Amino acid sequence: MILDKLAEIENRFQQIESQLQDPANATNPSELERLGRARAEVATIVEASRRYRELIERERQAVELLADPEMRELAQGELDEVRPTLAEAERRVKLLLVPRDPNDDKPVIVEIRAAAGGDEAALFANELFRLYVRYCERKRWPLEVVEHEESGIGGADRVVFTINQKGAYSRLKHESGVHRVQRVPATESGGRIHTSTATVAVLPEADEVDVAIRNEDIEISTFRSSSAGGQHMQKNETAIRIVHKPTGIAVTCQDERSQQQNKLKGMAVLRAKLYEMEQERAHKERAAERKGQIGSGDRAEKIRTYNFPQSRITDHRIGFSMHNMVTYMDGDIDEMLTALTQEEEARRLAAAGFD
């Protein structure tokens, strides 16, 4: 079944290649653009398909050589080498054949809010912000702060930032939800462990073509920024508040030095929130099984617990734990993200009928 699907895709790829080389299309820019997009859509799976077929052939030849006593040891060595690679190649091909999240390649807007726990929740929210900053520094991903509402003790009531990196949503989307921390707060004199929470929302950044926002549907006001930034930001009304009247969604941006820059960032956040709202509405209209999958996914309550006394981070959705709190909070989170991605891939394969 898999090989039949791959053959169909390779035939389509060859047809596109022929059309691209057809002189009749050389003078038609729009057709060339369409064909170029179509080629890009299947090029990755064609490359994976060819690698998969190559490994299948290597395995077949090695199996045949097992019948030759003089070649048996060499053939077995070849099989030991090729079979794990073949299994991984088959998994990759299967994943490429099943539908992907259409937002996976998009940059993201991340919003962190202090939740239950007062000052300790605000401190934890700010630590989560630093965690993602350090992660982006490790990956060399560009991160820009849209808003940072500080609390009085070095915490943050709310932080909004963008990560303008292709594929950031695919990597970080499972961070959405309630993050719970268990530790002895710095303000606790009795040494008792407290539990506090912060929420993280990871939104795919929506292009203007994804979400149409009419000018008459928004109300924009300005105010003096409360962010750090010197006298310029304090004397002038550079901060922007945008209200989307049909939905009541309000966003603010005060991290830039000009109204125009803050407006551009604020509109990006608004588009992302409206896009997510539309996605959630569409999700709710789907079958109960699909809704159940969503309910146990990104927005689930208490997705992760950070137990500082035991230096343990546990993701409750997949039952996966790590014991490296210091480095984890310094942005070393790839192992956790990979575990979540692999679990999502397993669900996708199962939904498509692949073992």
Protein backbone atom coordinates (compact mmCIF):
# COMPACT_ATOMS: atom_id res chain seq x y z
CA MET A 1 0.00 0.00 0.00
CA ILE A 2 2.76 2.41 0.94
CA LEU A 3 4.78 1.66 -2.19
CA ASP A 4 1.69 2.19 -4.36
CA LYS A 5 1.09 5.62 -2.80
CA LEU A 6 4.73 6.53 -3.24
CA ALA A 7 4.63 5.46 -6.89
CA GLU A 8 1.64 7.75 -7.49
CA ILE A 9 3.46 10.69 -5.92
CA GLU A 10 6.63 10.02 -7.92
CA ASN A 11 4.58 9.91 -11.13
CA ARG A 12 3.03 13.24 -10.20
CA PHE A 13 6.48 14.65 -9.50
CA GLN A 14 7.72 13.54 -12.94
CA GLN A 15 4.70 15.16 -14.59
CA ILE A 16 5.39 18.44 -12.82
CA GLU A 17 9.05 18.28 -13.85
CA SER A 18 8.02 17.76 -17.48
CA GLN A 19 5.63 20.70 -17.33
CA LEU A 20 8.32 22.93 -15.86
CA GLN A 21 10.58 22.06 -18.79
CA ASP A 22 7.84 22.59 -21.36
CA PRO A 23 8.70 25.68 -23.48
CA ALA A 24 4.99 26.54 -23.59
CA ASN A 25 5.11 27.37 -19.88
CA ALA A 26 8.35 29.35 -20.03
CA THR A 27 6.52 32.59 -20.86
CA ASN A 28 3.73 32.09 -18.32
CA PRO A 29 4.96 33.38 -14.92
CA SER A 30 1.77 32.47 -13.05
CA GLU A 31 1.86 28.89 -14.34
CA LEU A 32 5.54 28.58 -13.50
CA GLU A 33 4.80 29.81 -9.99
CA ARG A 34 1.96 27.30 -9.61
CA LEU A 35 4.14 24.45 -10.83
CA GLY A 36 6.99 25.53 -8.58
CA ARG A 37 4.70 25.39 -5.54
CA ALA A 38 3.36 22.00 -6.61
CA ARG A 39 6.89 20.67 -7.02
CA ALA A 40 7.93 21.93 -3.60
CA GLU A 41 4.93 20.19 -2.00
CA VAL A 42 6.02 16.74 -3.19
CA ALA A 43 9.82 17.11 -3.48
CA THR A 44 10.48 16.15 0.15
CA ILE A 45 8.43 12.98 0.03
CA VAL A 46 9.91 12.01 -3.34
CA GLU A 47 13.40 12.30 -1.87
CA ALA A 48 12.34 10.20 1.14
CA SER A 49 10.64 7.70 -1.16
CA ARG A 50 13.77 7.17 -3.22
CA ARG A 51 15.86 6.66 -0.10
CA TYR A 52 13.30 4.17 1.22
CA ARG A 53 13.28 2.19 -2.03
CA GLU A 54 17.07 2.14 -2.06
CA LEU A 55 17.16 0.64 1.42
CA ILE A 56 14.50 -1.94 0.52
CA GLU A 57 16.67 -3.05 -2.40
CA ARG A 58 19.77 -3.26 -0.19
CA GLU A 59 17.85 -5.45 2.25
CA ARG A 60 16.58 -7.70 -0.56
CA GLN A 61 20.07 -8.23 -1.95
CA ALA A 62 21.49 -8.99 1.52
CA VAL A 63 18.75 -11.56 2.18
CA GLU A 64 19.60 -13.31 -1.09
CA LEU A 65 23.29 -13.45 -0.14
CA LEU A 66 22.45 -15.23 3.11
CA ALA A 67 21.93 -18.39 1.09
CA ASP A 68 25.61 -18.31 0.04
CA PRO A 69 27.77 -19.78 2.86
CA GLU A 70 30.79 -17.72 1.77
CA MET A 71 28.80 -14.48 1.82
CA ARG A 72 26.60 -15.18 4.84
CA GLU A 73 28.67 -13.25 7.39
CA LEU A 74 28.99 -10.23 5.10
CA ALA A 75 25.27 -10.36 4.27
CA GLN A 76 24.30 -10.53 7.94
CA GLY A 77 26.48 -7.51 8.67
CA GLU A 78 24.74 -5.62 5.88
CA LEU A 79 21.31 -6.58 7.26
CA ASP A 80 22.27 -5.51 10.77
CA GLU A 81 23.26 -2.14 9.36
CA VAL A 82 20.42 -1.55 6.92
CA ARG A 83 17.37 -2.73 8.88
CA PRO A 84 17.36 -0.03 11.59
CA THR A 85 17.89 2.61 8.90
CA LEU A 86 15.12 1.08 6.82
CA ALA A 87 12.72 1.13 9.77
CA GLU A 88 13.41 4.83 10.35
CA ALA A 89 13.05 5.57 6.62
CA GLU A 90 9.70 3.76 6.57
CA ARG A 91 8.48 5.77 9.56
CA ARG A 92 9.52 9.00 7.87
CA VAL A 93 7.72 8.06 4.67
CA LYS A 94 4.55 7.18 6.58
CA LEU A 95 4.62 10.50 8.41
CA LEU A 96 5.01 12.36 5.13
CA LEU A 97 2.00 10.49 3.74
CA VAL A 98 -0.40 11.43 6.54
CA PRO A 99 -1.87 14.95 6.83
CA ARG A 100 0.19 17.47 8.79
CA ASP A 101 -0.96 20.33 10.94
CA PRO A 102 -1.25 23.15 8.37
CA ASN A 103 0.25 25.58 10.88
CA ASP A 104 3.40 23.58 11.60
CA ASP A 105 5.69 25.73 9.45
CA LYS A 106 4.49 29.03 10.88
CA PRO A 107 6.24 31.41 13.27
CA VAL A 108 4.54 31.82 16.64
CA ILE A 109 3.24 34.30 19.16
CA VAL A 110 3.60 33.13 22.76
CA GLU A 111 1.64 34.52 25.68
CA ILE A 112 2.54 33.66 29.28
CA ARG A 113 0.27 34.67 32.18
CA ALA A 114 0.63 34.28 35.91
CA ALA A 115 -2.34 32.25 37.21
CA ALA A 116 -2.98 30.79 40.66
CA GLY A 117 -0.44 31.60 43.34
CA GLY A 118 -0.04 35.36 43.57
CA ASP A 119 3.55 36.63 43.64
CA GLU A 120 4.98 33.12 43.27
CA ALA A 121 2.92 32.58 40.10
CA ALA A 122 4.28 35.84 38.67
CA LEU A 123 7.84 34.77 39.47
CA PHE A 124 7.25 31.42 37.79
CA ALA A 125 5.73 33.09 34.72
CA ASN A 126 8.85 35.21 34.36
CA GLU A 127 11.05 32.11 34.74
CA LEU A 128 9.11 30.39 31.97
CA PHE A 129 9.68 33.47 29.81
CA ARG A 130 13.41 33.25 30.49
CA LEU A 131 13.31 29.52 29.69
CA TYR A 132 11.93 30.22 26.20
CA VAL A 133 14.35 33.10 25.68
CA ARG A 134 17.27 30.79 26.48
CA TYR A 135 15.84 28.07 24.26
CA CYS A 136 15.64 30.50 21.34
CA GLU A 137 19.19 31.63 22.02
CA ARG A 138 20.34 28.01 21.90
CA LYS A 139 18.52 27.52 18.58
CA ARG A 140 19.52 30.96 17.25
CA TRP A 141 15.85 31.79 16.72
CA PRO A 142 14.84 35.48 16.64
CA LEU A 143 12.63 36.43 19.59
CA GLU A 144 10.95 39.81 20.03
CA VAL A 145 9.03 40.98 23.08
CA VAL A 146 5.61 42.52 22.39
CA GLU A 147 4.60 43.17 25.99
CA HIS A 148 6.10 42.47 29.41
CA GLU A 149 3.89 43.39 32.37
CA GLU A 150 6.21 43.18 35.35
CA SER A 151 5.09 42.54 38.92
CA GLY A 152 6.63 44.28 41.90
CA ILE A 153 8.95 41.45 42.99
CA GLY A 154 10.71 40.63 39.74
CA GLY A 155 7.93 38.50 38.32
CA ALA A 156 5.65 39.00 35.34
CA ASP A 157 1.88 39.12 35.26
CA ARG A 158 1.88 38.74 31.48
CA VAL A 159 4.47 38.38 28.73
CA VAL A 160 3.82 38.29 25.00
CA PHE A 161 6.58 37.64 22.48
CA THR A 162 7.04 36.49 18.90
CA ILE A 163 9.42 33.89 17.48
CA ASN A 164 9.83 34.62 13.79
CA GLN A 165 11.20 31.23 12.78
CA LYS A 166 9.72 28.85 10.24
CA GLY A 167 8.63 25.68 12.01
CA ALA A 168 8.54 27.26 15.48
CA TYR A 169 4.88 26.31 15.89
CA SER A 170 5.59 22.66 15.10
CA ARG A 171 8.25 22.56 17.79
CA LEU A 172 6.52 24.59 20.51
CA LYS A 173 2.78 24.04 20.07
CA HIS A 174 2.64 21.39 22.82
CA GLU A 175 3.76 24.01 25.36
CA SER A 176 0.23 25.45 25.41
CA GLY A 177 -1.60 24.83 28.66
CA VAL A 178 -1.27 25.13 32.43
CA HIS A 179 2.24 24.78 33.85
CA ARG A 180 2.35 23.95 37.57
CA VAL A 181 5.29 24.62 39.89
CA GLN A 182 5.87 23.01 43.28
CA ARG A 183 8.57 24.55 45.47
CA VAL A 184 9.31 26.59 48.58
CA PRO A 185 8.85 30.26 47.59
CA ALA A 186 11.57 32.75 48.49
CA THR A 187 8.96 34.61 50.56
CA GLU A 188 8.02 31.51 52.58
CA SER A 189 9.63 31.61 56.05
CA GLY A 190 8.24 28.27 57.20
CA GLY A 191 9.83 26.17 54.47
CA ARG A 192 6.50 24.89 53.18
CA ILE A 193 6.12 23.77 49.58
CA HIS A 194 3.60 25.85 47.62
CA THR A 195 1.87 25.06 44.35
CA SER A 196 1.41 27.82 41.78
CA THR A 197 0.52 27.93 38.12
CA ALA A 198 1.13 29.91 34.95
CA THR A 199 -0.54 29.52 31.58
CA VAL A 200 1.21 29.40 28.22
CA ALA A 201 -0.52 29.96 24.89
CA VAL A 202 1.39 29.25 21.68
CA LEU A 203 -0.40 30.74 18.67
CA PRO A 204 0.55 30.30 15.02
CA GLU A 205 1.25 33.72 13.55
CA ALA A 206 -1.49 34.47 11.03
CA ASP A 207 -0.83 36.33 7.78
CA GLU A 208 -3.16 39.05 6.62
CA VAL A 209 -4.53 36.61 4.04
CA ASP A 210 -5.44 34.18 6.86
CA VAL A 211 -7.53 36.69 8.80
CA ALA A 212 -9.36 39.67 7.34
CA ILE A 213 -9.75 42.50 9.85
CA ARG A 214 -11.91 45.44 8.78
CA ASN A 215 -10.86 48.90 9.92
CA GLU A 216 -14.36 49.61 11.20
CA ASP A 217 -14.15 46.53 13.46
CA ILE A 218 -11.18 47.76 15.49
CA GLU A 219 -10.76 50.55 17.99
CA ILE A 220 -7.23 51.82 18.62
CA SER A 221 -6.17 53.91 21.60
CA THR A 222 -2.79 55.10 22.80
CA PHE A 223 -1.30 55.54 26.24
CA ARG A 224 2.04 56.13 27.89
CA SER A 225 4.15 53.03 28.12
CA SER A 226 4.94 51.58 31.52
CA SER A 227 7.78 49.45 30.14
CA ALA A 228 11.42 50.24 30.68
CA GLY A 229 12.84 52.40 27.95
CA GLY A 230 13.76 55.82 29.22
CA GLN A 231 12.18 59.24 29.05
CA HIS A 232 11.03 58.96 25.45
CA MET A 233 8.57 56.20 26.23
CA GLN A 234 7.36 57.87 29.42
CA LYS A 235 6.69 61.30 27.89
CA ASN A 236 4.94 60.16 24.72
CA GLU A 237 1.92 57.94 24.16
CA THR A 238 3.74 55.23 22.24
CA ALA A 239 1.83 52.24 23.66
CA ILE A 240 -1.08 50.88 21.64
CA ARG A 241 -4.29 49.15 22.71
CA ILE A 242 -6.36 47.51 19.99
CA VAL A 243 -9.88 46.24 20.61
CA HIS A 244 -11.63 44.00 18.11
CA LYS A 245 -15.24 45.10 18.62
CA PRO A 246 -17.06 42.03 17.20
CA THR A 247 -15.25 39.63 19.56
CA GLY A 248 -14.15 41.89 22.40
CA ILE A 249 -10.55 40.69 22.07
CA ALA A 250 -8.11 43.36 23.28
CA VAL A 251 -4.35 43.42 22.80
CA THR A 252 -1.74 45.89 23.92
CA CYS A 253 1.82 46.50 22.79
CA GLN A 254 4.21 48.89 24.50
CA ASP A 255 7.67 47.43 23.96
CA GLU A 256 8.65 49.47 20.89
CA ARG A 257 9.60 53.15 20.74
CA SER A 258 6.99 54.27 18.22
CA GLN A 259 3.24 53.99 17.87
CA GLN A 260 3.60 52.51 14.37
CA GLN A 261 5.91 49.71 15.51
CA ASN A 262 3.64 48.89 18.43
CA LYS A 263 0.60 48.94 16.16
CA LEU A 264 2.21 46.48 13.74
CA LYS A 265 3.07 44.08 16.56
CA GLY A 266 -0.35 44.52 18.16
CA MET A 267 -2.12 43.72 14.90
CA ALA A 268 0.00 40.57 14.52
CA VAL A 269 -1.09 39.41 17.98
CA LEU A 270 -4.73 40.23 17.20
CA ARG A 271 -4.61 38.28 13.92
CA ALA A 272 -3.12 35.29 15.74
CA LYS A 273 -5.85 35.35 18.40
CA LEU A 274 -8.64 35.65 15.85
CA TYR A 275 -7.07 32.87 13.81
CA GLU A 276 -6.92 30.63 16.87
CA MET A 277 -10.54 31.47 17.73
CA GLU A 278 -11.63 30.45 14.24
CA GLN A 279 -9.61 27.24 14.48
CA GLU A 280 -11.18 26.34 17.81
CA ARG A 281 -14.65 27.02 16.40
CA ALA A 282 -13.91 24.67 13.50
CA HIS A 283 -12.54 22.05 15.88
CA LYS A 284 -15.74 22.06 17.92
CA GLU A 285 -17.78 21.30 14.83
CA ARG A 286 -15.85 18.12 14.09
CA ALA A 287 -16.59 14.59 15.27
CA ALA A 288 -16.57 13.74 18.98
CA GLU A 289 -13.47 11.59 18.55
CA ARG A 290 -11.53 14.49 17.10
CA LYS A 291 -12.76 16.79 19.86
CA GLY A 292 -11.62 14.24 22.40
CA GLN A 293 -8.12 14.30 20.96
CA ILE A 294 -8.04 18.07 21.20
CA GLY A 295 -9.37 17.97 24.75
CA SER A 296 -6.46 15.81 25.85
CA GLY A 297 -3.93 17.88 23.98
CA ASP A 298 -2.59 21.39 24.00
CA ARG A 299 -5.18 23.08 26.23
CA ALA A 300 -5.46 20.35 28.85
CA GLU A 301 -5.37 21.47 32.48
CA LYS A 302 -2.04 20.96 34.23
CA ILE A 303 -0.07 19.73 31.28
CA ARG A 304 3.22 19.81 33.18
CA THR A 305 4.53 19.94 36.75
CA TYR A 306 7.87 21.43 37.79
CA ASN A 307 8.80 19.85 41.12
CA PHE A 308 11.83 21.80 42.33
CA PRO A 309 12.57 19.83 45.53
CA GLN A 310 12.86 16.63 43.48
CA SER A 311 14.38 18.37 40.42
CA ARG A 312 11.71 16.68 38.32
CA ILE A 313 9.74 17.95 35.33
CA THR A 314 6.79 15.75 34.37
CA ASP A 315 4.53 16.10 31.36
CA HIS A 316 1.23 14.54 32.37
CA ARG A 317 -0.09 14.05 28.83
CA ILE A 318 2.55 11.48 27.94
CA GLY A 319 3.80 10.47 31.41
CA PHE A 320 7.32 11.62 30.58
CA SER A 321 9.68 12.91 33.28
CA MET A 322 13.09 14.56 33.31
CA HIS A 323 15.40 15.19 36.28
CA ASN A 324 17.50 18.17 35.26
CA MET A 325 15.68 21.19 36.66
CA VAL A 326 18.61 23.63 36.54
CA THR A 327 19.51 23.05 32.89
CA TYR A 328 15.86 22.64 31.89
CA MET A 329 14.95 26.06 33.26
CA ASP A 330 17.96 27.38 31.35
CA GLY A 331 16.34 26.38 28.06
CA ASP A 332 17.55 22.78 27.69
CA ILE A 333 14.08 21.49 26.73
CA ASP A 334 14.71 19.66 23.45
CA GLU A 335 14.34 16.20 25.03
CA MET A 336 10.87 17.10 26.31
CA LEU A 337 9.82 18.67 23.01
CA THR A 338 11.05 15.63 21.09
CA ALA A 339 9.09 13.25 23.32
CA LEU A 340 5.91 15.27 22.73
CA THR A 341 6.53 15.42 18.99
CA GLN A 342 7.08 11.67 18.80
CA GLU A 343 3.85 11.03 20.69
CA GLU A 344 1.98 13.30 18.26
CA GLU A 345 3.56 11.45 15.32
CA ALA A 346 2.45 8.11 16.77
CA ARG A 347 -1.12 9.42 17.03
CA ARG A 348 -1.04 10.63 13.43
CA LEU A 349 0.24 7.27 12.21
CA ALA A 350 -2.41 5.39 14.20
CA ALA A 351 -5.17 7.66 12.88
CA ALA A 352 -3.99 6.96 9.33
CA GLY A 353 -4.10 3.20 9.89
CA PHE A 354 -0.34 2.69 10.02
CA ASP A 355 1.01 0.37 12.70
